[in-house]
Amino acid sequence: MGLHEKIKNSVELAIRPVAGRLGAEVSGVALSGKLDSETVAAIRQALFAHKVLFFRSQDHLTDAEQESFGKLFGDLVPHPTVPKIEGTESALNVASDGTYAANQWHTDVTFVDAYPLASILRAVRLPSKGGDTVWANTAEAYKRLPEPLRELADRLWAVHSNAFDYAAIRPDATTDRLKRHDTVFSSTVYETEHPLVRVHPETGERTLVLGNFAQRFVGLSGADSARLKSIYQDHITRLENTVRWHWAPGDVAIWDNRATQHYGIGDFTEEREMHRVTIDGDVPVSVDGRRSVTRRKETEVPDLKVAAE
């Protein structure tokens, strides 16, 4: 696609690619729940082509309008364990002072079977410096794997869970943050088996399903799983396979959660507040036609160190 691709509908969308393998800035539209079907189709088409879209100066959006816009792309789905913003249908307040930013590569909510189709993130309050977000293209990563790794990936399945040893990953976390992780984020424990490679239902691309919720590969030991996971993760997050966005107030990002991972960089010490809406997804299908399966859903929190092995 050219440097300035234009899609003409009831409004003209100017689409400017931001990085070589994913990401584009879209201008010429004020996001709302009242966009006509042609404009929504154009945004959807651009999303599947570029994986993540950025919209500047959407200061007019409220939580309600953000949710109304999200509904144009499908049913909204709340986070399975984290409480929604009061007065909203499903919006999540992703707030941090940097001490508990994500700081991990992940695809949203892969510990459930039908994890979100897409996420819509709006910048509400930003630190004076830092707090960027980076995305990686999991379709491009699969396509560029060496053939032996690609053939192996097609056969692998991984167990994803929201129960893991958070303290081992974030040794700098405060006691309050550790408690919140155990009592809120892991209040209901999910375990789901996903294929490492899923077939994207819209584009037909093969994408890698991995990230920090992937705990181990089915049939492999914890040690072998960790080594193998690092190999595939390294291919996903190669710098040339990523795009980094420096937020400004009123910015909105929409990403295809079935073809990306992202990483919220915790390099700030001031308050950062982002509001997120997610669109309900579908159960992944592997290259041989099998569907992801839920292994576990229960409210009793297990020993997290054991669960992470």
Protein backbone atom coordinates (compact mmCIF):
# COMPACT_ATOMS: atom_id res chain seq x y z
CA MET A 1 0.00 0.00 0.00
CA GLY A 2 1.20 3.51 -0.74
CA LEU A 3 2.44 6.03 1.79
CA HIS A 4 -0.92 7.81 1.78
CA GLU A 5 -3.63 5.31 0.97
CA LYS A 6 -7.12 6.76 0.75
CA ILE A 7 -10.38 4.88 1.14
CA LYS A 8 -13.37 6.86 -0.11
CA ASN A 9 -16.74 6.30 1.47
CA SER A 10 -19.13 8.76 3.06
CA VAL A 11 -15.97 10.25 4.56
CA GLU A 12 -12.45 10.08 3.20
CA LEU A 13 -10.01 8.20 5.39
CA ALA A 14 -6.36 9.08 4.94
CA ILE A 15 -4.24 6.11 6.04
CA ARG A 16 -0.53 6.65 6.65
CA PRO A 17 1.56 3.57 7.50
CA VAL A 18 3.68 4.18 10.60
CA ALA A 19 6.10 1.24 10.45
CA GLY A 20 7.19 -1.21 7.78
CA ARG A 21 5.25 -4.30 8.89
CA LEU A 22 2.26 -3.02 10.86
CA GLY A 23 0.58 0.09 12.17
CA ALA A 24 -1.11 3.01 10.41
CA GLU A 25 -2.38 6.43 11.44
CA VAL A 26 -5.89 7.22 10.24
CA SER A 27 -7.21 10.74 9.82
CA GLY A 28 -10.36 12.24 8.42
CA VAL A 29 -12.85 10.71 10.84
CA ALA A 30 -14.28 11.56 14.25
CA LEU A 31 -14.94 8.26 15.99
CA SER A 32 -18.43 7.67 17.37
CA GLY A 33 -21.21 5.14 17.44
CA LYS A 34 -22.96 6.94 14.59
CA LEU A 35 -20.54 6.20 11.78
CA ASP A 36 -22.19 4.82 8.66
CA SER A 37 -21.68 1.25 7.54
CA GLU A 38 -19.31 2.15 4.68
CA THR A 39 -16.98 4.04 7.02
CA VAL A 40 -17.01 1.18 9.52
CA ALA A 41 -16.23 -1.28 6.72
CA ALA A 42 -13.31 0.90 5.62
CA ILE A 43 -11.89 1.03 9.14
CA ARG A 44 -12.35 -2.71 9.50
CA GLN A 45 -10.57 -3.32 6.19
CA ALA A 46 -7.68 -1.09 7.27
CA LEU A 47 -7.48 -2.84 10.63
CA PHE A 48 -7.01 -6.27 9.08
CA ALA A 49 -4.45 -4.87 6.63
CA HIS A 50 -2.37 -2.89 9.16
CA LYS A 51 -3.15 -4.83 12.40
CA VAL A 52 -3.21 -1.66 14.56
CA LEU A 53 -4.72 1.73 13.74
CA PHE A 54 -4.05 5.06 15.46
CA PHE A 55 -6.47 8.00 15.58
CA ARG A 56 -5.31 11.38 16.87
CA SER A 57 -7.42 14.12 18.51
CA GLN A 58 -10.46 12.08 19.53
CA ASP A 59 -10.96 14.26 22.64
CA HIS A 60 -14.73 14.29 22.15
CA LEU A 61 -15.03 10.62 23.13
CA THR A 62 -16.56 9.67 26.48
CA ASP A 63 -16.69 6.15 27.88
CA ALA A 64 -20.21 5.81 26.51
CA GLU A 65 -19.18 6.99 23.04
CA GLN A 66 -16.14 4.72 23.07
CA GLU A 67 -18.41 1.79 23.85
CA SER A 68 -20.89 2.85 21.15
CA PHE A 69 -18.06 2.97 18.64
CA GLY A 70 -16.87 -0.47 19.73
CA LYS A 71 -20.33 -1.95 19.18
CA LEU A 72 -20.05 -1.14 15.49
CA PHE A 73 -17.51 -3.97 15.25
CA GLY A 74 -19.26 -6.57 17.40
CA ASP A 75 -20.51 -7.34 20.88
CA LEU A 76 -18.58 -5.81 23.77
CA VAL A 77 -17.07 -8.16 26.34
CA PRO A 78 -15.91 -7.17 29.85
CA HIS A 79 -12.68 -8.42 31.34
CA PRO A 80 -13.32 -11.85 32.91
CA THR A 81 -11.98 -10.86 36.35
CA VAL A 82 -11.12 -7.13 36.57
CA PRO A 83 -14.10 -4.87 37.46
CA LYS A 84 -15.42 -2.52 34.79
CA ILE A 85 -15.57 1.27 35.12
CA GLU A 86 -18.64 2.19 37.16
CA GLY A 87 -21.54 3.24 34.98
CA THR A 88 -20.21 1.57 31.83
CA GLU A 89 -21.22 -1.63 30.10
CA SER A 90 -17.74 -3.16 29.97
CA ALA A 91 -15.02 -0.48 29.80
CA LEU A 92 -11.80 -1.14 31.71
CA ASN A 93 -9.70 1.52 33.42
CA VAL A 94 -6.07 0.65 32.67
CA ALA A 95 -4.46 3.00 35.19
CA SER A 96 -0.91 2.92 36.49
CA ASP A 97 1.86 5.02 38.01
CA GLY A 98 4.49 2.88 36.27
CA THR A 99 5.10 0.55 39.21
CA TYR A 100 2.62 -1.99 37.85
CA ALA A 101 2.47 -1.33 34.12
CA ALA A 102 2.11 -4.43 31.97
CA ASN A 103 5.78 -4.56 30.95
CA GLN A 104 5.13 -7.92 29.31
CA TRP A 105 4.37 -9.01 25.79
CA HIS A 106 0.85 -10.38 25.60
CA THR A 107 -2.29 -10.81 23.54
CA ASP A 108 -5.34 -9.73 25.54
CA VAL A 109 -7.12 -12.41 27.60
CA THR A 110 -5.80 -15.53 25.82
CA PHE A 111 -6.49 -17.51 28.99
CA VAL A 112 -10.12 -17.89 27.79
CA ASP A 113 -11.16 -19.75 24.66
CA ALA A 114 -12.87 -17.01 22.61
CA TYR A 115 -10.50 -14.20 23.51
CA PRO A 116 -11.22 -10.68 22.14
CA LEU A 117 -11.35 -9.96 18.44
CA ALA A 118 -10.05 -6.44 18.96
CA SER A 119 -9.27 -3.90 21.66
CA ILE A 120 -9.87 -0.14 21.58
CA LEU A 121 -7.65 1.91 23.89
CA ARG A 122 -8.16 5.63 24.59
CA ALA A 123 -5.64 7.93 26.25
CA VAL A 124 -7.31 9.79 29.15
CA ARG A 125 -4.40 10.96 31.31
CA LEU A 126 -0.73 10.68 30.39
CA PRO A 127 2.63 11.12 32.12
CA SER A 128 4.87 13.96 30.99
CA LYS A 129 7.28 11.42 29.52
CA GLY A 130 7.31 7.70 28.80
CA GLY A 131 4.35 5.34 28.72
CA ASP A 132 4.54 4.32 25.05
CA THR A 133 2.97 1.10 23.79
CA VAL A 134 4.57 -1.31 21.32
CA TRP A 135 2.77 -3.83 19.09
CA ALA A 136 4.14 -6.84 17.20
CA ASN A 137 2.72 -8.56 14.12
CA THR A 138 2.17 -12.27 14.82
CA ALA A 139 1.06 -13.01 11.24
CA GLU A 140 4.26 -11.58 9.80
CA ALA A 141 6.28 -13.44 12.45
CA TYR A 142 4.75 -16.76 11.41
CA LYS A 143 5.31 -16.06 7.72
CA ARG A 144 9.01 -15.32 8.31
CA LEU A 145 9.77 -18.35 10.48
CA PRO A 146 12.36 -20.79 9.10
CA GLU A 147 10.51 -23.70 7.55
CA PRO A 148 11.42 -26.27 10.27
CA LEU A 149 10.14 -23.91 13.00
CA ARG A 150 7.00 -23.18 10.99
CA GLU A 151 6.26 -26.88 10.55
CA LEU A 152 6.77 -27.50 14.27
CA ALA A 153 4.60 -24.52 15.19
CA ASP A 154 1.71 -25.91 13.16
CA ARG A 155 1.63 -28.97 15.48
CA LEU A 156 2.13 -27.31 18.87
CA TRP A 157 -0.54 -26.46 21.43
CA ALA A 158 -0.01 -24.33 24.54
CA VAL A 159 -1.78 -23.98 27.88
CA HIS A 160 -2.69 -20.34 28.62
CA SER A 161 -3.67 -19.25 32.14
CA ASN A 162 -4.12 -16.14 34.26
CA ALA A 163 -2.63 -18.03 37.25
CA PHE A 164 1.13 -17.71 37.27
CA ASP A 165 3.93 -16.65 39.60
CA TYR A 166 3.52 -12.88 39.25
CA ALA A 167 6.23 -12.17 41.84
CA ALA A 168 8.78 -14.06 39.76
CA ILE A 169 7.99 -11.91 36.74
CA ARG A 170 7.73 -8.64 38.69
CA PRO A 171 10.15 -8.91 41.64
CA ASP A 172 9.82 -5.14 42.18
CA ALA A 173 6.04 -5.34 42.72
CA THR A 174 4.67 -3.96 45.97
CA THR A 175 2.83 -6.13 48.48
CA ASP A 176 -0.42 -4.37 47.59
CA ARG A 177 0.13 -5.05 43.90
CA LEU A 178 0.85 -8.74 44.53
CA LYS A 179 -2.32 -8.98 46.62
CA ARG A 180 -4.36 -7.28 43.90
CA HIS A 181 -3.05 -9.70 41.30
CA ASP A 182 -4.02 -12.71 43.42
CA THR A 183 -7.41 -11.47 44.62
CA VAL A 184 -8.61 -9.60 41.51
CA PHE A 185 -6.83 -10.67 38.33
CA SER A 186 -6.72 -14.34 39.40
CA SER A 187 -10.00 -14.33 41.32
CA THR A 188 -11.27 -16.90 38.84
CA VAL A 189 -8.59 -19.18 37.43
CA TYR A 190 -8.79 -20.03 33.74
CA GLU A 191 -6.77 -22.56 31.76
CA THR A 192 -7.26 -22.91 28.02
CA GLU A 193 -5.45 -24.90 25.36
CA HIS A 194 -4.78 -22.92 22.17
CA PRO A 195 -2.96 -23.97 19.04
CA LEU A 196 0.32 -22.10 18.68
CA VAL A 197 -0.86 -21.31 15.15
CA ARG A 198 -4.42 -20.20 14.49
CA VAL A 199 -6.05 -19.42 11.16
CA HIS A 200 -7.39 -15.87 11.12
CA PRO A 201 -11.12 -16.08 10.28
CA GLU A 202 -11.15 -12.80 8.30
CA THR A 203 -7.86 -12.81 6.39
CA GLY A 204 -6.96 -16.50 6.27
CA GLU A 205 -3.50 -15.66 7.61
CA ARG A 206 -1.77 -17.95 10.07
CA THR A 207 -0.88 -16.14 13.29
CA LEU A 208 1.10 -17.15 16.38
CA VAL A 209 -0.81 -17.33 19.68
CA LEU A 210 1.68 -16.87 22.49
CA GLY A 211 2.63 -14.11 24.99
CA ASN A 212 2.90 -14.06 28.76
CA PHE A 213 -0.32 -16.01 29.43
CA ALA A 214 1.14 -19.04 27.64
CA GLN A 215 2.50 -21.19 30.46
CA ARG A 216 3.72 -24.36 28.76
CA PHE A 217 3.37 -26.46 25.64
CA VAL A 218 1.17 -29.54 25.78
CA GLY A 219 3.28 -32.68 26.12
CA LEU A 220 6.51 -30.83 26.97
CA SER A 221 8.23 -30.17 30.29
CA GLY A 222 8.35 -26.73 31.82
CA ALA A 223 12.02 -26.35 30.93
CA ASP A 224 11.57 -27.41 27.31
CA SER A 225 8.47 -25.21 27.03
CA ALA A 226 10.37 -22.18 28.28
CA ARG A 227 13.18 -22.65 25.77
CA LEU A 228 10.80 -23.21 22.88
CA LYS A 229 8.58 -20.31 23.86
CA SER A 230 11.56 -17.94 23.92
CA ILE A 231 12.48 -18.96 20.36
CA TYR A 232 9.03 -18.15 18.98
CA GLN A 233 8.65 -15.02 21.12
CA ASP A 234 11.96 -13.71 19.81
CA HIS A 235 10.69 -14.07 16.25
CA ILE A 236 7.43 -12.29 17.12
CA THR A 237 9.09 -9.32 18.84
CA ARG A 238 12.02 -8.66 16.48
CA LEU A 239 12.30 -4.87 16.27
CA GLU A 240 11.56 -4.79 12.55
CA ASN A 241 8.30 -6.62 13.31
CA THR A 242 7.03 -3.93 15.73
CA VAL A 243 5.54 -0.46 15.85
CA ARG A 244 5.87 1.94 18.81
CA TRP A 245 3.29 4.64 19.54
CA HIS A 246 3.96 7.78 21.56
CA TRP A 247 0.60 8.74 23.05
CA ALA A 248 -0.96 12.19 23.08
CA PRO A 249 -4.16 13.12 24.97
CA GLY A 250 -7.22 12.02 23.00
CA ASP A 251 -5.39 9.35 21.01
CA VAL A 252 -7.21 6.10 20.26
CA ALA A 253 -5.60 2.85 19.16
CA ILE A 254 -7.48 -0.15 17.77
CA TRP A 255 -5.69 -3.43 17.23
CA ASP A 256 -6.52 -6.82 15.81
CA ASN A 257 -6.05 -8.94 18.93
CA ARG A 258 -5.95 -12.12 16.83
CA ALA A 259 -2.86 -11.01 14.90
CA THR A 260 -0.79 -8.99 17.38
CA GLN A 261 0.91 -8.87 20.74
CA HIS A 262 1.52 -5.63 22.63
CA TYR A 263 3.67 -4.30 25.45
CA GLY A 264 2.86 -1.33 27.70
CA ILE A 265 6.21 0.20 28.65
CA GLY A 266 6.45 1.01 32.39
CA ASP A 267 9.11 3.73 32.10
CA PHE A 268 7.13 6.44 33.93
CA THR A 269 6.42 7.45 37.52
CA GLU A 270 3.39 9.73 37.06
CA GLU A 271 -0.22 8.68 36.68
CA ARG A 272 -1.24 7.21 33.35
CA GLU A 273 -4.91 6.42 32.68
CA MET A 274 -6.19 4.59 29.62
CA HIS A 275 -9.72 3.31 29.04
CA ARG A 276 -10.13 0.08 27.08
CA VAL A 277 -13.08 -1.52 25.34
CA THR A 278 -12.84 -5.02 23.89
CA ILE A 279 -14.83 -6.72 21.15
CA ASP A 280 -15.96 -10.30 21.68
CA GLY A 281 -13.94 -12.83 19.71
CA ASP A 282 -14.19 -16.34 18.33
CA VAL A 283 -12.64 -19.63 19.38
CA PRO A 284 -9.33 -20.16 17.51
CA VAL A 285 -9.10 -22.88 14.90
CA SER A 286 -5.79 -24.63 14.26
CA VAL A 287 -4.33 -25.40 10.84
CA ASP A 288 -5.81 -28.92 11.05
CA GLY A 289 -9.28 -27.66 11.99
CA ARG A 290 -9.28 -28.28 15.75
CA ARG A 291 -10.68 -25.65 18.10
CA SER A 292 -9.25 -24.31 21.35
CA VAL A 293 -10.64 -25.91 24.52
CA THR A 294 -11.18 -24.65 28.06
CA ARG A 295 -9.43 -26.92 30.55
CA ARG A 296 -10.31 -25.15 33.78
CA LYS A 297 -12.45 -22.37 35.25
CA GLU A 298 -12.71 -22.12 39.01
CA THR A 299 -12.66 -19.50 41.74
CA GLU A 300 -10.18 -21.22 44.05
CA VAL A 301 -6.70 -19.79 43.45
CA PRO A 302 -4.03 -22.54 43.27
CA ASP A 303 -0.41 -22.27 44.35
CA LEU A 304 0.82 -19.88 41.66
CA LYS A 305 4.36 -21.24 41.63
CA VAL A 306 3.06 -24.71 40.89
CA ALA A 307 0.71 -23.38 38.20
CA ALA A 308 3.59 -21.66 36.44
CA GLU A 309 5.66 -24.84 36.09
